Amino acid sequence: MVDRPHNLLQQIMVTDPTQDEANIRAARAHSNRSIARRNLLGVGDSLAENFCAIIGDGTFVPTRAAYLKLFKQDFDNPKTSLRYERIPDTIQLSSSSPQAAEQGHWIATDAAGNTAYTGTYMAMWHHTEDGWKIRSELYVTLTHH
């Protein structure tokens, strides 16, 4: 007789760590491309429905909708908006639950391509029926140019 997972949590956890990391990195790359293209739907693709964040200046963003509203405001003002790129340094997969931790650094550039801000970030990813989604993010601004 073959052992099969008895609940959804166990089913989700039966994954390939190498593939999971690749999927998270691909989702992050898609998000970065979406920001560069001012594609709000693409930015939202990787966010869980219950997403929340603390952005670089310490502001708490309580919902996915509020976070996307900030991007829309930026996208609507291309001459003054910043382009954000998140570069993952490490991704660690949990061995006890369907989640992962992404740590990295970020760069914000202005419309002319000049670096405006840099910092570090941490993201909590959850594996869902729709794949890996970001549950929360924390950004810390370290430099202003």
Protein backbone atom coordinates (compact mmCIF):
# COMPACT_ATOMS: atom_id res chain seq x y z
CA MET A 1 0.00 0.00 0.00
CA VAL A 2 1.28 3.50 -0.91
CA ASP A 3 1.35 6.22 1.76
CA ARG A 4 -0.62 9.22 0.54
CA PRO A 5 -0.95 12.64 2.17
CA HIS A 6 -4.06 12.82 4.35
CA ASN A 7 -4.72 16.52 4.20
CA LEU A 8 -4.12 19.56 2.02
CA LEU A 9 -1.13 20.75 4.09
CA GLN A 10 0.65 17.44 3.60
CA GLN A 11 -0.20 17.46 -0.12
CA ILE A 12 1.26 20.93 -0.55
CA MET A 13 4.43 19.96 1.29
CA VAL A 14 5.18 17.10 -1.12
CA THR A 15 7.31 19.26 -3.39
CA ASP A 16 10.74 19.46 -4.97
CA PRO A 17 12.85 22.08 -3.12
CA THR A 18 14.97 22.85 -6.19
CA GLN A 19 11.86 23.40 -8.31
CA ASP A 20 10.17 25.40 -5.54
CA GLU A 21 13.13 27.78 -5.32
CA ALA A 22 13.18 28.13 -9.11
CA ASN A 23 9.44 28.88 -9.10
CA ILE A 24 9.84 31.57 -6.42
CA ARG A 25 12.75 33.15 -8.32
CA ALA A 26 10.68 33.08 -11.53
CA ALA A 27 7.73 34.72 -9.76
CA ARG A 28 10.03 37.46 -8.42
CA ALA A 29 11.51 38.03 -11.90
CA HIS A 30 7.98 38.28 -13.33
CA SER A 31 7.09 40.84 -10.66
CA ASN A 32 10.21 42.90 -11.46
CA ARG A 33 9.41 42.81 -15.21
CA SER A 34 5.83 43.84 -14.46
CA ILE A 35 7.02 46.86 -12.48
CA ALA A 36 9.36 47.86 -15.30
CA ARG A 37 6.47 47.57 -17.80
CA ARG A 38 3.98 49.32 -15.48
CA ASN A 39 1.78 46.23 -15.56
CA LEU A 40 -0.38 46.35 -12.44
CA LEU A 41 -1.95 42.93 -13.04
CA GLY A 42 1.52 41.41 -13.35
CA VAL A 43 2.60 43.03 -10.08
CA GLY A 44 -0.43 41.49 -8.38
CA ASP A 45 0.17 37.99 -9.79
CA SER A 46 2.61 37.01 -7.04
CA LEU A 47 0.68 38.54 -4.12
CA ALA A 48 -1.51 36.44 -1.82
CA GLU A 49 -5.04 37.69 -1.19
CA ASN A 50 -4.09 38.35 2.46
CA PHE A 51 -0.83 40.15 1.56
CA CYS A 52 0.56 42.94 3.76
CA ALA A 53 3.84 44.86 3.78
CA ILE A 54 6.03 47.37 5.55
CA ILE A 55 7.66 49.53 2.92
CA GLY A 56 11.06 51.22 3.06
CA ASP A 57 10.02 54.29 5.04
CA GLY A 58 8.31 52.16 7.70
CA THR A 59 4.77 52.64 6.43
CA PHE A 60 2.50 49.66 7.07
CA VAL A 61 0.50 48.65 3.99
CA PRO A 62 -2.32 46.49 5.37
CA THR A 63 -3.77 44.93 2.22
CA ARG A 64 -2.98 43.69 -1.25
CA ALA A 65 -5.32 46.35 -2.68
CA ALA A 66 -3.53 49.16 -0.80
CA TYR A 67 -0.15 47.91 -2.03
CA LEU A 68 -1.34 47.77 -5.64
CA LYS A 69 -2.83 51.27 -5.26
CA LEU A 70 0.66 52.58 -4.41
CA PHE A 71 2.03 51.03 -7.61
CA LYS A 72 -0.87 52.44 -9.65
CA GLN A 73 -0.13 55.93 -8.32
CA ASP A 74 3.49 55.50 -9.40
CA PHE A 75 2.54 54.08 -12.80
CA ASP A 76 0.15 57.00 -13.41
CA ASN A 77 3.03 59.48 -12.95
CA PRO A 78 5.90 58.10 -15.06
CA LYS A 79 7.99 61.30 -14.93
CA THR A 80 8.26 61.22 -11.13
CA SER A 81 7.79 57.53 -10.37
CA LEU A 82 10.46 55.12 -9.23
CA ARG A 83 11.19 51.70 -10.68
CA TYR A 84 11.82 49.02 -8.07
CA GLU A 85 13.86 45.88 -8.57
CA ARG A 86 14.17 43.20 -5.90
CA ILE A 87 17.20 40.91 -6.17
CA PRO A 88 16.92 37.68 -4.16
CA ASP A 89 20.10 36.73 -2.34
CA THR A 90 18.75 33.63 -0.57
CA ILE A 91 15.58 31.58 -0.58
CA GLN A 92 15.03 29.13 2.24
CA LEU A 93 12.25 26.57 2.12
CA SER A 94 10.54 25.45 5.30
CA SER A 95 10.76 21.75 6.08
CA SER A 96 7.73 21.94 8.36
CA SER A 97 5.16 24.03 6.49
CA PRO A 98 4.35 25.18 2.96
CA GLN A 99 6.27 28.44 3.16
CA ALA A 100 9.59 29.97 2.22
CA ALA A 101 11.72 32.95 3.21
CA GLU A 102 13.29 35.18 0.58
CA GLN A 103 16.01 37.64 1.59
CA GLY A 104 17.63 40.09 -0.75
CA HIS A 105 18.37 43.65 -1.67
CA TRP A 106 16.41 46.19 -3.67
CA ILE A 107 17.16 49.17 -5.87
CA ALA A 108 14.85 52.06 -6.77
CA THR A 109 15.75 54.04 -9.89
CA ASP A 110 14.22 57.27 -11.15
CA ALA A 111 12.84 57.91 -14.63
CA ALA A 112 16.33 58.80 -15.90
CA GLY A 113 17.73 55.48 -14.63
CA ASN A 114 19.64 56.97 -11.70
CA THR A 115 19.71 55.09 -8.40
CA ALA A 116 17.44 56.88 -5.92
CA TYR A 117 17.30 54.42 -3.01
CA THR A 118 18.68 51.02 -2.04
CA GLY A 119 17.99 48.64 0.80
CA THR A 120 17.28 45.13 1.97
CA TYR A 121 14.08 43.12 2.10
CA MET A 122 12.54 39.92 3.38
CA ALA A 123 9.52 38.17 1.89
CA MET A 124 7.39 35.34 3.26
CA TRP A 125 6.07 33.07 0.52
CA HIS A 126 3.23 30.55 0.94
CA HIS A 127 2.55 27.66 -1.37
CA THR A 128 -1.11 27.74 -2.41
CA GLU A 129 -3.34 25.92 -4.87
CA ASP A 130 -2.31 28.66 -7.34
CA GLY A 131 1.42 28.22 -6.70
CA TRP A 132 3.82 30.29 -4.61
CA LYS A 133 2.38 33.63 -3.41
CA ILE A 134 3.89 36.38 -1.26
CA ARG A 135 2.13 36.61 2.10
CA SER A 136 4.18 39.52 3.45
CA GLU A 137 7.19 41.71 2.75
CA LEU A 138 9.42 43.96 4.84
CA TYR A 139 11.59 46.59 3.15
CA VAL A 140 14.31 48.64 4.84
CA THR A 141 15.75 51.68 3.09
CA LEU A 142 19.50 51.91 3.69
CA THR A 143 20.68 54.61 1.25
CA HIS A 144 19.24 57.67 -0.47
CA HIS A 145 21.25 59.03 -3.39
